PDB file of N, CA and C in Angstrom:
ATOM      1  N   MET A   1     -97.606 -99.580  -8.071  1.00  0.00           N
ATOM      2  CA  MET A   1     -96.689 -98.532  -8.473  1.00  0.00           C
ATOM      3  C   MET A   1     -96.947 -98.213  -9.940  1.00  0.00           C
ATOM      4  N   THR A   2     -96.907 -96.958 -10.271  1.00  0.00           N
ATOM      5  CA  THR A   2     -97.138 -96.546 -11.646  1.00  0.00           C
ATOM      6  C   THR A   2     -95.854 -96.656 -12.451  1.00  0.00           C
ATOM      7  N   ASP A   3     -95.950 -96.354 -13.739  1.00  0.00           N
ATOM      8  CA  ASP A   3     -94.766 -96.369 -14.595  1.00  0.00           C
ATOM      9  C   ASP A   3     -93.936 -95.095 -14.453  1.00  0.00           C
ATOM     10  N   ILE A   4     -94.456 -94.118 -13.723  1.00  0.00           N
ATOM     11  CA  ILE A   4     -93.726 -92.878 -13.492  1.00  0.00           C
ATOM     12  C   ILE A   4     -92.592 -93.165 -12.515  1.00  0.00           C
ATOM     13  N   LYS A   5     -91.393 -92.710 -12.841  1.00  0.00           N
ATOM     14  CA  LYS A   5     -90.241 -92.936 -11.959  1.00  0.00           C
ATOM     15  C   LYS A   5     -90.215 -91.869 -10.858  1.00  0.00           C
ATOM     16  N   PRO A   6     -90.271 -92.278  -9.602  1.00  0.00           N
ATOM     17  CA  PRO A   6     -90.223 -91.304  -8.516  1.00  0.00           C
ATOM     18  C   PRO A   6     -88.842 -90.666  -8.415  1.00  0.00           C
ATOM     19  N   LYS A   7     -88.826 -89.389  -8.048  1.00  0.00           N
ATOM     20  CA  LYS A   7     -87.561 -88.673  -7.885  1.00  0.00           C
ATOM     21  C   LYS A   7     -87.217 -88.456  -6.415  1.00  0.00           C
ATOM     22  N   THR A   8     -88.216 -88.589  -5.540  1.00  0.00           N
ATOM     23  CA  THR A   8     -88.004 -88.388  -4.101  1.00  0.00           C
ATOM     24  C   THR A   8     -88.711 -89.499  -3.330  1.00  0.00           C
ATOM     25  N   VAL A   9     -88.405 -89.597  -2.042  1.00  0.00           N
ATOM     26  CA  VAL A   9     -89.079 -90.575  -1.181  1.00  0.00           C
ATOM     27  C   VAL A   9     -90.577 -90.277  -1.153  1.00  0.00           C
ATOM     28  N   ASP A  10     -90.937 -89.001  -1.040  1.00  0.00           N
ATOM     29  CA  ASP A  10     -92.356 -88.642  -1.024  1.00  0.00           C
ATOM     30  C   ASP A  10     -93.047 -89.025  -2.329  1.00  0.00           C
ATOM     31  N   ASP A  11     -92.363 -88.831  -3.469  1.00  0.00           N
ATOM     32  CA  ASP A  11     -92.932 -89.260  -4.762  1.00  0.00           C
ATOM     33  C   ASP A  11     -93.217 -90.759  -4.731  1.00  0.00           C
ATOM     34  N   TYR A  12     -92.247 -91.524  -4.234  1.00  0.00           N
ATOM     35  CA  TYR A  12     -92.395 -92.979  -4.184  1.00  0.00           C
ATOM     36  C   TYR A  12     -93.634 -93.357  -3.383  1.00  0.00           C
ATOM     37  N   ILE A  13     -93.782 -92.739  -2.224  1.00  0.00           N
ATOM     38  CA  ILE A  13     -94.924 -93.036  -1.360  1.00  0.00           C
ATOM     39  C   ILE A  13     -96.225 -92.623  -2.041  1.00  0.00           C
ATOM     40  N   ASN A  14     -96.255 -91.416  -2.583  1.00  0.00           N
ATOM     41  CA  ASN A  14     -97.478 -90.900  -3.199  1.00  0.00           C
ATOM     42  C   ASN A  14     -97.886 -91.643  -4.461  1.00  0.00           C
ATOM     43  N   LEU A  15     -96.925 -92.246  -5.152  1.00  0.00           N
ATOM     44  CA  LEU A  15     -97.226 -93.014  -6.361  1.00  0.00           C
ATOM     45  C   LEU A  15     -97.615 -94.459  -6.048  1.00  0.00           C
ATOM     46  N   SER A  16     -97.487 -94.854  -4.800  1.00  0.00           N
ATOM     47  CA  SER A  16     -97.803 -96.220  -4.377  1.00  0.00           C
ATOM     48  C   SER A  16     -99.295 -96.368  -4.083  1.00  0.00           C
ATOM     49  N   PRO A  17     -99.796 -97.604  -4.081  1.00  0.00           N
ATOM     50  CA  PRO A  17    -101.197 -97.826  -3.726  1.00  0.00           C
ATOM     51  C   PRO A  17    -101.498 -97.283  -2.333  1.00  0.00           C
ATOM     52  N   GLU A  18    -102.685 -96.769  -2.160  1.00  0.00           N
ATOM     53  CA  GLU A  18    -103.069 -96.142  -0.892  1.00  0.00           C
ATOM     54  C   GLU A  18    -102.886 -97.069   0.302  1.00  0.00           C
ATOM     55  N   VAL A  19    -103.151 -98.359   0.115  1.00  0.00           N
ATOM     56  CA  VAL A  19    -103.062 -99.331   1.209  1.00  0.00           C
ATOM     57  C   VAL A  19    -101.642 -99.394   1.807  1.00  0.00           C
ATOM     58  N   ALA A  20    -100.626 -99.037   1.024  1.00  0.00           N
ATOM     59  CA  ALA A  20     -99.233 -99.138   1.473  1.00  0.00           C
ATOM     60  C   ALA A  20     -98.688 -97.828   2.023  1.00  0.00           C
ATOM     61  N   ARG A  21     -99.340 -96.736   1.764  1.00  0.00           N
ATOM     62  CA  ARG A  21     -98.782 -95.416   2.084  1.00  0.00           C
ATOM     63  C   ARG A  21     -98.561 -95.181   3.569  1.00  0.00           C
ATOM     64  N   GLU A  22     -99.476 -95.655   4.409  1.00  0.00           N
ATOM     65  CA  GLU A  22     -99.337 -95.403   5.849  1.00  0.00           C
ATOM     66  C   GLU A  22     -98.070 -96.053   6.396  1.00  0.00           C
ATOM     67  N   VAL A  23     -97.822 -97.299   6.026  1.00  0.00           N
ATOM     68  CA  VAL A  23     -96.625 -97.995   6.502  1.00  0.00           C
ATOM     69  C   VAL A  23     -95.374 -97.269   6.012  1.00  0.00           C
ATOM     70  N   MET A  24     -95.347 -96.902   4.734  1.00  0.00           N
ATOM     71  CA  MET A  24     -94.157 -96.250   4.188  1.00  0.00           C
ATOM     72  C   MET A  24     -93.940 -94.864   4.791  1.00  0.00           C
ATOM     73  N   THR A  25     -95.003 -94.129   5.027  1.00  0.00           N
ATOM     74  CA  THR A  25     -94.878 -92.811   5.646  1.00  0.00           C
ATOM     75  C   THR A  25     -94.323 -92.946   7.059  1.00  0.00           C
ATOM     76  N   LYS A  26     -94.808 -93.929   7.802  1.00  0.00           N
ATOM     77  CA  LYS A  26     -94.293 -94.154   9.156  1.00  0.00           C
ATOM     78  C   LYS A  26     -92.817 -94.541   9.123  1.00  0.00           C
ATOM     79  N   LEU A  27     -92.427 -95.400   8.175  1.00  0.00           N
ATOM     80  CA  LEU A  27     -91.019 -95.787   8.055  1.00  0.00           C
ATOM     81  C   LEU A  27     -90.161 -94.566   7.745  1.00  0.00           C
ATOM     82  N   LYS A  28     -90.599 -93.775   6.793  1.00  0.00           N
ATOM     83  CA  LYS A  28     -89.885 -92.551   6.414  1.00  0.00           C
ATOM     84  C   LYS A  28     -89.680 -91.664   7.631  1.00  0.00           C
ATOM     85  N   ASN A  29     -90.743 -91.422   8.377  1.00  0.00           N
ATOM     86  CA  ASN A  29     -90.660 -90.548   9.546  1.00  0.00           C
ATOM     87  C   ASN A  29     -89.755 -91.131  10.629  1.00  0.00           C
ATOM     88  N   MET A  30     -89.831 -92.432  10.853  1.00  0.00           N
ATOM     89  CA  MET A  30     -88.984 -93.070  11.875  1.00  0.00           C
ATOM     90  C   MET A  30     -87.510 -92.986  11.504  1.00  0.00           C
ATOM     91  N   ILE A  31     -87.196 -93.234  10.239  1.00  0.00           N
ATOM     92  CA  ILE A  31     -85.800 -93.152   9.794  1.00  0.00           C
ATOM     93  C   ILE A  31     -85.287 -91.732   9.989  1.00  0.00           C
ATOM     94  N   GLU A  32     -86.073 -90.758   9.546  1.00  0.00           N
ATOM     95  CA  GLU A  32     -85.653 -89.360   9.622  1.00  0.00           C
ATOM     96  C   GLU A  32     -85.532 -88.871  11.061  1.00  0.00           C
ATOM     97  N   GLU A  33     -86.369 -89.367  11.956  1.00  0.00           N
ATOM     98  CA  GLU A  33     -86.286 -88.981  13.364  1.00  0.00           C
ATOM     99  C   GLU A  33     -85.131 -89.696  14.074  1.00  0.00           C
ATOM    100  N   ALA A  34     -84.905 -90.970  13.726  1.00  0.00           N
ATOM    101  CA  ALA A  34     -83.844 -91.740  14.378  1.00  0.00           C
ATOM    102  C   ALA A  34     -82.456 -91.248  13.962  1.00  0.00           C
ATOM    103  N   GLU A  35     -82.318 -90.795  12.718  1.00  0.00           N
ATOM    104  CA  GLU A  35     -81.033 -90.271  12.246  1.00  0.00           C
ATOM    105  C   GLU A  35     -81.297 -89.019  11.413  1.00  0.00           C
ATOM    106  N   PRO A  36     -81.420 -87.878  12.086  1.00  0.00           N
ATOM    107  CA  PRO A  36     -81.759 -86.624  11.401  1.00  0.00           C
ATOM    108  C   PRO A  36     -80.765 -86.196  10.317  1.00  0.00           C
ATOM    109  N   LYS A  37     -79.532 -86.689  10.387  1.00  0.00           N
ATOM    110  CA  LYS A  37     -78.527 -86.313   9.380  1.00  0.00           C
ATOM    111  C   LYS A  37     -78.639 -87.153   8.109  1.00  0.00           C
ATOM    112  N   ALA A  38     -79.486 -88.156   8.126  1.00  0.00           N
ATOM    113  CA  ALA A  38     -79.638 -89.028   6.949  1.00  0.00           C
ATOM    114  C   ALA A  38     -80.308 -88.268   5.814  1.00  0.00           C
ATOM    115  N   GLU A  39     -79.867 -88.564   4.615  1.00  0.00           N
ATOM    116  CA  GLU A  39     -80.450 -87.963   3.422  1.00  0.00           C
ATOM    117  C   GLU A  39     -81.219 -89.028   2.659  1.00  0.00           C
ATOM    118  N   GLY A  40     -82.493 -88.751   2.419  1.00  0.00           N
ATOM    119  CA  GLY A  40     -83.329 -89.685   1.683  1.00  0.00           C
ATOM    120  C   GLY A  40     -83.305 -89.380   0.204  1.00  0.00           C
ATOM    121  N   GLY A  41     -83.393 -90.419  -0.589  1.00  0.00           N
ATOM    122  CA  GLY A  41     -83.429 -90.273  -2.035  1.00  0.00           C
ATOM    123  C   GLY A  41     -83.864 -91.577  -2.675  1.00  0.00           C
ATOM    124  N   ILE A  42     -83.818 -91.610  -3.973  1.00  0.00           N
ATOM    125  CA  ILE A  42     -84.180 -92.818  -4.714  1.00  0.00           C
ATOM    126  C   ILE A  42     -82.911 -93.415  -5.317  1.00  0.00           C
ATOM    127  N   SER A  43     -82.643 -94.649  -4.994  1.00  0.00           N
ATOM    128  CA  SER A  43     -81.547 -95.426  -5.582  1.00  0.00           C
ATOM    129  C   SER A  43     -82.106 -96.798  -5.893  1.00  0.00           C
ATOM    130  N   TRP A  44     -81.719 -97.354  -7.016  1.00  0.00           N
ATOM    131  CA  TRP A  44     -82.238 -98.646  -7.450  1.00  0.00           C
ATOM    132  C   TRP A  44     -83.769 -98.621  -7.522  1.00  0.00           C
ATOM    133  N   ASN A  45     -84.328 -97.439  -7.803  1.00  0.00           N
ATOM    134  CA  ASN A  45     -85.775 -97.215  -7.947  1.00  0.00           C
ATOM    135  C   ASN A  45     -86.572 -97.370  -6.657  1.00  0.00           C
ATOM    136  N   VAL A  46     -85.910 -97.321  -5.502  1.00  0.00           N
ATOM    137  CA  VAL A  46     -86.603 -97.407  -4.214  1.00  0.00           C
ATOM    138  C   VAL A  46     -86.023 -96.369  -3.252  1.00  0.00           C
ATOM    139  N   PRO A  47     -86.760 -96.023  -2.193  1.00  0.00           N
ATOM    140  CA  PRO A  47     -86.241 -95.088  -1.202  1.00  0.00           C
ATOM    141  C   PRO A  47     -85.057 -95.674  -0.433  1.00  0.00           C
ATOM    142  N   ILE A  48     -83.973 -94.914  -0.434  1.00  0.00           N
ATOM    143  CA  ILE A  48     -82.770 -95.288   0.299  1.00  0.00           C
ATOM    144  C   ILE A  48     -82.318 -94.071   1.094  1.00  0.00           C
ATOM    145  N   TYR A  49     -81.986 -94.301   2.341  1.00  0.00           N
ATOM    146  CA  TYR A  49     -81.449 -93.232   3.182  1.00  0.00           C
ATOM    147  C   TYR A  49     -79.965 -93.480   3.367  1.00  0.00           C
ATOM    148  N   LYS A  50     -79.198 -92.391   3.250  1.00  0.00           N
ATOM    149  CA  LYS A  50     -77.752 -92.485   3.378  1.00  0.00           C
ATOM    150  C   LYS A  50     -77.266 -91.591   4.509  1.00  0.00           C
ATOM    151  N   TYR A  51     -76.354 -92.143   5.265  1.00  0.00           N
ATOM    152  CA  TYR A  51     -75.637 -91.401   6.294  1.00  0.00           C
ATOM    153  C   TYR A  51     -74.268 -92.050   6.411  1.00  0.00           C
ATOM    154  N   LYS A  52     -73.267 -91.406   5.850  1.00  0.00           N
ATOM    155  CA  LYS A  52     -71.905 -91.943   5.827  1.00  0.00           C
ATOM    156  C   LYS A  52     -71.885 -93.341   5.205  1.00  0.00           C
ATOM    157  N   GLY A  53     -72.724 -93.529   4.218  1.00  0.00           N
ATOM    158  CA  GLY A  53     -72.930 -94.815   3.555  1.00  0.00           C
ATOM    159  C   GLY A  53     -74.423 -95.108   3.559  1.00  0.00           C
ATOM    160  N   ILE A  54     -74.789 -96.255   3.086  1.00  0.00           N
ATOM    161  CA  ILE A  54     -76.210 -96.607   3.075  1.00  0.00           C
ATOM    162  C   ILE A  54     -76.670 -96.899   4.497  1.00  0.00           C
ATOM    163  N   LEU A  55     -77.749 -96.236   4.885  1.00  0.00           N
ATOM    164  CA  LEU A  55     -78.302 -96.413   6.223  1.00  0.00           C
ATOM    165  C   LEU A  55     -79.416 -97.453   6.207  1.00  0.00           C
ATOM    166  N   ALA A  56     -80.451 -97.197   5.419  1.00  0.00           N
ATOM    167  CA  ALA A  56     -81.616 -98.086   5.375  1.00  0.00           C
ATOM    168  C   ALA A  56     -82.443 -97.748   4.145  1.00  0.00           C
ATOM    169  N   GLY A  57     -83.370 -98.628   3.829  1.00  0.00           N
ATOM    170  CA  GLY A  57     -84.277 -98.367   2.717  1.00  0.00           C
ATOM    171  C   GLY A  57     -85.510 -99.237   2.827  1.00  0.00           C
ATOM    172  N   PHE A  58     -86.466 -98.946   1.975  1.00  0.00           N
ATOM    173  CA  PHE A  58     -87.670 -99.769   1.942  1.00  0.00           C
ATOM    174  C   PHE A  58     -88.212 -99.831   0.529  1.00  0.00           C
ATOM    175  N   SER A  59     -89.019-100.843   0.279  1.00  0.00           N
ATOM    176  CA  SER A  59     -89.606-101.004  -1.046  1.00  0.00           C
ATOM    177  C   SER A  59     -90.976-101.655  -0.936  1.00  0.00           C
ATOM    178  N   LEU A  60     -91.769-101.391  -1.924  1.00  0.00           N
ATOM    179  CA  LEU A  60     -93.135-101.893  -1.978  1.00  0.00           C
ATOM    180  C   LEU A  60     -93.180-103.257  -2.637  1.00  0.00           C
ATOM    181  N   ALA A  61     -93.911-104.158  -2.030  1.00  0.00           N
ATOM    182  CA  ALA A  61     -94.215-105.453  -2.631  1.00  0.00           C
ATOM    183  C   ALA A  61     -95.744-105.556  -2.702  1.00  0.00           C
ATOM    184  N   LYS A  62     -96.239-106.635  -3.220  1.00  0.00           N
ATOM    185  CA  LYS A  62     -97.675-106.761  -3.432  1.00  0.00           C
ATOM    186  C   LYS A  62     -98.493-106.665  -2.143  1.00  0.00           C
ATOM    187  N   LYS A  63     -98.020-107.318  -1.081  1.00  0.00           N
ATOM    188  CA  LYS A  63     -98.795-107.367   0.161  1.00  0.00           C
ATOM    189  C   LYS A  63     -98.043-106.866   1.390  1.00  0.00           C
ATOM    190  N   HIS A  64     -96.879-106.255   1.163  1.00  0.00           N
ATOM    191  CA  HIS A  64     -96.083-105.770   2.285  1.00  0.00           C
ATOM    192  C   HIS A  64     -95.084-104.717   1.818  1.00  0.00           C
ATOM    193  N   VAL A  65     -94.434-104.111   2.800  1.00  0.00           N
ATOM    194  CA  VAL A  65     -93.307-103.237   2.537  1.00  0.00           C
ATOM    195  C   VAL A  65     -92.083-103.947   3.100  1.00  0.00           C
ATOM    196  N   SER A  66     -91.039-104.003   2.319  1.00  0.00           N
ATOM    197  CA  SER A  66     -89.804-104.639   2.753  1.00  0.00           C
ATOM    198  C   SER A  66     -88.853-103.554   3.254  1.00  0.00           C
ATOM    199  N   PHE A  67     -88.371-103.712   4.481  1.00  0.00           N
ATOM    200  CA  PHE A  67     -87.429-102.773   5.079  1.00  0.00           C
ATOM    201  C   PHE A  67     -86.061-103.425   5.071  1.00  0.00           C
ATOM    202  N   GLY A  68     -85.070-102.736   4.531  1.00  0.00           N
ATOM    203  CA  GLY A  68     -83.734-103.302   4.439  1.00  0.00           C
ATOM    204  C   GLY A  68     -82.707-102.495   5.211  1.00  0.00           C
ATOM    205  N   ILE A  69     -81.847-103.215   5.935  1.00  0.00           N
ATOM    206  CA  ILE A  69     -80.777-102.575   6.701  1.00  0.00           C
ATOM    207  C   ILE A  69     -79.691-103.617   6.973  1.00  0.00           C
ATOM    208  N   ASP A  70     -78.443-103.218   6.796  1.00  0.00           N
ATOM    209  CA  ASP A  70     -77.335-104.163   6.956  1.00  0.00           C
ATOM    210  C   ASP A  70     -77.108-104.609   8.392  1.00  0.00           C
ATOM    211  N   SER A  71     -77.565-103.823   9.370  1.00  0.00           N
ATOM    212  CA  SER A  71     -77.287-104.159  10.772  1.00  0.00           C
ATOM    213  C   SER A  71     -78.252-105.193  11.356  1.00  0.00           C
ATOM    214  N   LEU A  72     -79.061-105.812  10.532  1.00  0.00           N
ATOM    215  CA  LEU A  72     -80.009-106.825  11.010  1.00  0.00           C
ATOM    216  C   LEU A  72     -79.238-108.090  11.399  1.00  0.00           C
ATOM    217  N   THR A  73     -79.186-108.359  12.676  1.00  0.00           N
ATOM    218  CA  THR A  73     -78.446-109.510  13.203  1.00  0.00           C
ATOM    219  C   THR A  73     -79.362-110.725  13.334  1.00  0.00           C
ATOM    220  N   ASP A  74     -78.761-111.876  13.562  1.00  0.00           N
ATOM    221  CA  ASP A  74     -79.552-113.097  13.787  1.00  0.00           C
ATOM    222  C   ASP A  74     -80.453-112.929  15.010  1.00  0.00           C
ATOM    223  N   GLU A  75     -79.919-112.308  16.056  1.00  0.00           N
ATOM    224  CA  GLU A  75     -80.693-112.096  17.282  1.00  0.00           C
ATOM    225  C   GLU A  75     -81.921-111.218  17.007  1.00  0.00           C
ATOM    226  N   MET A  76     -81.717-110.124  16.268  1.00  0.00           N
ATOM    227  CA  MET A  76     -82.831-109.231  15.947  1.00  0.00           C
ATOM    228  C   MET A  76     -83.816-109.921  15.008  1.00  0.00           C
ATOM    229  N   ARG A  77     -83.300-110.733  14.112  1.00  0.00           N
ATOM    230  CA  ARG A  77     -84.171-111.479  13.195  1.00  0.00           C
ATOM    231  C   ARG A  77     -85.110-112.388  13.993  1.00  0.00           C
ATOM    232  N   LYS A  78     -84.579-113.074  14.996  1.00  0.00           N
ATOM    233  CA  LYS A  78     -85.398-113.949  15.837  1.00  0.00           C
ATOM    234  C   LYS A  78     -86.441-113.144  16.605  1.00  0.00           C
ATOM    235  N   THR A  79     -86.055-111.981  17.113  1.00  0.00           N
ATOM    236  CA  THR A  79     -86.993-111.105  17.822  1.00  0.00           C
ATOM    237  C   THR A  79     -88.140-110.708  16.897  1.00  0.00           C
ATOM    238  N   LEU A  80     -87.803-110.281  15.692  1.00  0.00           N
ATOM    239  CA  LEU A  80     -88.825-109.853  14.736  1.00  0.00           C
ATOM    240  C   LEU A  80     -89.721-111.018  14.317  1.00  0.00           C
ATOM    241  N   GLU A  81     -89.122-112.173  14.100  1.00  0.00           N
ATOM    242  CA  GLU A  81     -89.911-113.352  13.722  1.00  0.00           C
ATOM    243  C   GLU A  81     -90.872-113.718  14.849  1.00  0.00           C
ATOM    244  N   GLY A  82     -90.426-113.555  16.086  1.00  0.00           N
ATOM    245  CA  GLY A  82     -91.275-113.829  17.240  1.00  0.00           C
ATOM    246  C   GLY A  82     -92.471-112.889  17.317  1.00  0.00           C
ATOM    247  N   LYS A  83     -92.344-111.744  16.676  1.00  0.00           N
ATOM    248  CA  LYS A  83     -93.437-110.772  16.642  1.00  0.00           C
ATOM    249  C   LYS A  83     -94.265-110.880  15.359  1.00  0.00           C
ATOM    250  N   GLY A  84     -93.994-111.923  14.563  1.00  0.00           N
ATOM    251  CA  GLY A  84     -94.814-112.183  13.375  1.00  0.00           C
ATOM    252  C   GLY A  84     -94.315-111.588  12.078  1.00  0.00           C
ATOM    253  N   PHE A  85     -93.053-111.140  12.039  1.00  0.00           N
ATOM    254  CA  PHE A  85     -92.505-110.574  10.819  1.00  0.00           C
ATOM    255  C   PHE A  85     -91.679-111.623  10.083  1.00  0.00           C
ATOM    256  N   LYS A  86     -91.777-111.626   8.777  1.00  0.00           N
ATOM    257  CA  LYS A  86     -90.962-112.502   7.953  1.00  0.00           C
ATOM    258  C   LYS A  86     -89.648-111.782   7.691  1.00  0.00           C
ATOM    259  N   THR A  87     -88.528-112.482   7.866  1.00  0.00           N
ATOM    260  CA  THR A  87     -87.224-111.850   7.702  1.00  0.00           C
ATOM    261  C   THR A  87     -86.409-112.501   6.605  1.00  0.00           C
ATOM    262  N   GLY A  88     -85.463-111.739   6.110  1.00  0.00           N
ATOM    263  CA  GLY A  88     -84.463-112.225   5.171  1.00  0.00           C
ATOM    264  C   GLY A  88     -83.101-111.914   5.765  1.00  0.00           C
ATOM    265  N   LYS A  89     -82.052-112.037   4.972  1.00  0.00           N
ATOM    266  CA  LYS A  89     -80.703-111.810   5.484  1.00  0.00           C
ATOM    267  C   LYS A  89     -80.537-110.387   6.023  1.00  0.00           C
ATOM    268  N   LYS A  90     -81.004-109.396   5.276  1.00  0.00           N
ATOM    269  CA  LYS A  90     -80.865-108.003   5.691  1.00  0.00           C
ATOM    270  C   LYS A  90     -82.183-107.247   5.568  1.00  0.00           C
ATOM    271  N   THR A  91     -83.289-107.972   5.576  1.00  0.00           N
ATOM    272  CA  THR A  91     -84.599-107.345   5.398  1.00  0.00           C
ATOM    273  C   THR A  91     -85.636-107.967   6.329  1.00  0.00           C
ATOM    274  N   PHE A  92     -86.716-107.222   6.529  1.00  0.00           N
ATOM    275  CA  PHE A  92     -87.900-107.831   7.115  1.00  0.00           C
ATOM    276  C   PHE A  92     -89.125-107.196   6.474  1.00  0.00           C
ATOM    277  N   GLN A  93     -90.193-107.979   6.434  1.00  0.00           N
ATOM    278  CA  GLN A  93     -91.413-107.563   5.760  1.00  0.00           C
ATOM    279  C   GLN A  93     -92.441-107.051   6.765  1.00  0.00           C
ATOM    280  N   ILE A  94     -93.067-105.938   6.392  1.00  0.00           N
ATOM    281  CA  ILE A  94     -94.133-105.369   7.215  1.00  0.00           C
ATOM    282  C   ILE A  94     -95.402-105.396   6.370  1.00  0.00           C
ATOM    283  N   LYS A  95     -96.339-106.247   6.767  1.00  0.00           N
ATOM    284  CA  LYS A  95     -97.614-106.296   6.051  1.00  0.00           C
ATOM    285  C   LYS A  95     -98.361-104.997   6.299  1.00  0.00           C
ATOM    286  N   PHE A  96     -99.209-104.644   5.362  1.00  0.00           N
ATOM    287  CA  PHE A  96     -99.899-103.360   5.433  1.00  0.00           C
ATOM    288  C   PHE A  96    -100.728-103.204   6.707  1.00  0.00           C
ATOM    289  N   ASP A  97    -101.177-104.322   7.291  1.00  0.00           N
ATOM    290  CA  ASP A  97    -102.005-104.237   8.496  1.00  0.00           C
ATOM    291  C   ASP A  97    -101.215-104.497   9.788  1.00  0.00           C
ATOM    292  N   GLN A  98     -99.888-104.622   9.696  1.00  0.00           N
ATOM    293  CA  GLN A  98     -99.061-104.847  10.874  1.00  0.00           C
ATOM    294  C   GLN A  98     -98.565-103.526  11.454  1.00  0.00           C
ATOM    295  N   ASN A  99     -98.385-103.505  12.763  1.00  0.00           N
ATOM    296  CA  ASN A  99     -97.748-102.357  13.391  1.00  0.00           C
ATOM    297  C   ASN A  99     -96.248-102.457  13.184  1.00  0.00           C
ATOM    298  N   ILE A 100     -95.632-101.345  12.915  1.00  0.00           N
ATOM    299  CA  ILE A 100     -94.184-101.314  12.725  1.00  0.00           C
ATOM    300  C   ILE A 100     -93.508-101.546  14.072  1.00  0.00           C
ATOM    301  N   PRO A 101     -92.497-102.414  14.117  1.00  0.00           N
ATOM    302  CA  PRO A 101     -91.788-102.655  15.379  1.00  0.00           C
ATOM    303  C   PRO A 101     -90.843-101.478  15.683  1.00  0.00           C
ATOM    304  N   THR A 102     -91.416-100.429  16.239  1.00  0.00           N
ATOM    305  CA  THR A 102     -90.728 -99.150  16.414  1.00  0.00           C
ATOM    306  C   THR A 102     -89.409 -99.274  17.172  1.00  0.00           C
ATOM    307  N   GLU A 103     -89.444 -99.903  18.326  1.00  0.00           N
ATOM    308  CA  GLU A 103     -88.234-100.014  19.152  1.00  0.00           C
ATOM    309  C   GLU A 103     -87.114-100.719  18.396  1.00  0.00           C
ATOM    310  N   GLU A 104     -87.454-101.815  17.740  1.00  0.00           N
ATOM    311  CA  GLU A 104     -86.452-102.586  17.002  1.00  0.00           C
ATOM    312  C   GLU A 104     -85.924-101.794  15.805  1.00  0.00           C
ATOM    313  N   LEU A 105     -86.814-101.125  15.092  1.00  0.00           N
ATOM    314  CA  LEU A 105     -86.412-100.367  13.919  1.00  0.00           C
ATOM    315  C   LEU A 105     -85.468 -99.228  14.299  1.00  0.00           C
ATOM    316  N   ILE A 106     -85.792 -98.501  15.331  1.00  0.00           N
ATOM    317  CA  ILE A 106     -84.937 -97.400  15.775  1.00  0.00           C
ATOM    318  C   ILE A 106     -83.583 -97.929  16.235  1.00  0.00           C
ATOM    319  N   SER A 107     -83.573 -99.043  16.940  1.00  0.00           N
ATOM    320  CA  SER A 107     -82.331 -99.665  17.384  1.00  0.00           C
ATOM    321  C   SER A 107     -81.458-100.049  16.181  1.00  0.00           C
ATOM    322  N   LEU A 108     -82.074-100.623  15.163  1.00  0.00           N
ATOM    323  CA  LEU A 108     -81.336-101.000  13.957  1.00  0.00           C
ATOM    324  C   LEU A 108     -80.741 -99.775  13.258  1.00  0.00           C
ATOM    325  N   ILE A 109     -81.510 -98.714  13.174  1.00  0.00           N
ATOM    326  CA  ILE A 109     -81.024 -97.496  12.513  1.00  0.00           C
ATOM    327  C   ILE A 109     -79.844 -96.912  13.290  1.00  0.00           C
ATOM    328  N   HIS A 110     -79.960 -96.844  14.607  1.00  0.00           N
ATOM    329  CA  HIS A 110     -78.853 -96.324  15.419  1.00  0.00           C
ATOM    330  C   HIS A 110     -77.609 -97.198  15.257  1.00  0.00           C
ATOM    331  N   GLU A 111     -77.798 -98.503  15.255  1.00  0.00           N
ATOM    332  CA  GLU A 111     -76.660 -99.421  15.099  1.00  0.00           C
ATOM    333  C   GLU A 111     -76.010 -99.244  13.729  1.00  0.00           C
ATOM    334  N   GLN A 112     -76.812 -99.122  12.685  1.00  0.00           N
ATOM    335  CA  GLN A 112     -76.252 -98.944  11.343  1.00  0.00           C
ATOM    336  C   GLN A 112     -75.512 -97.617  11.231  1.00  0.00           C
ATOM    337  N   ALA A 113     -76.053 -96.568  11.831  1.00  0.00           N
ATOM    338  CA  ALA A 113     -75.377 -95.270  11.815  1.00  0.00           C
ATOM    339  C   ALA A 113     -74.007 -95.377  12.472  1.00  0.00           C
ATOM    340  N   LYS A 114     -73.936 -96.074  13.617  1.00  0.00           N
ATOM    341  CA  LYS A 114     -72.650 -96.263  14.312  1.00  0.00           C
ATOM    342  C   LYS A 114     -71.671 -97.054  13.436  1.00  0.00           C
ATOM    343  N   LEU A 115     -72.173 -98.109  12.788  1.00  0.00           N
ATOM    344  CA  LEU A 115     -71.323 -98.907  11.892  1.00  0.00           C
ATOM    345  C   LEU A 115     -70.783 -98.044  10.758  1.00  0.00           C
ATOM    346  N   ASN A 116     -71.651 -97.225  10.172  1.00  0.00           N
ATOM    347  CA  ASN A 116     -71.238 -96.369   9.070  1.00  0.00           C
ATOM    348  C   ASN A 116     -70.204 -95.342   9.541  1.00  0.00           C
ATOM    349  N   GLU A 117     -70.402 -94.789  10.724  1.00  0.00           N
ATOM    350  CA  GLU A 117     -69.459 -93.801  11.264  1.00  0.00           C
ATOM    351  C   GLU A 117     -68.081 -94.436  11.493  1.00  0.00           C
ATOM    352  N   SER A 118     -68.066 -95.675  11.938  1.00  0.00           N
ATOM    353  CA  SER A 118     -66.807 -96.338  12.228  1.00  0.00           C
ATOM    354  C   SER A 118     -66.008 -96.654  10.958  1.00  0.00           C
ATOM    355  N   LYS A 119     -66.661 -96.689   9.823  1.00  0.00           N
ATOM    356  CA  LYS A 119     -65.979 -96.958   8.548  1.00  0.00           C
ATOM    357  C   LYS A 119     -65.335 -95.698   7.980  1.00  0.00           C
ATOM    358  N   ASN A 120     -65.775 -94.542   8.447  1.00  0.00           N
ATOM    359  CA  ASN A 120     -65.274 -93.277   7.878  1.00  0.00           C
ATOM    360  C   ASN A 120     -64.233 -92.630   8.743  1.00  0.00           C
TER     361      ASN A 120
END
């Protein structure tokens, strides 16, 4: 990542190393397709999507992209770990050469959108 501060999700992706861009572009597209009403922007210097609250976000690390979402349950964490992803409390890591777990990611986004709607 350069010292230039990105103003949009696309800026963030375009300012990132080429090796990471494909994963981030796919994440961006999946989030936007799974929840078309979500608005993408930069918060805390990383891409964050909001829909009636924070929906999801991602950030660049040295060897992976970290995807964060509050609806990540223990059950989903085990599923992702079984597919070779490293998980945290509300995140999972996607290495640049890994396929994005599309079904799981879309399910998480839909679940988070429902949670956010229920709070409003």
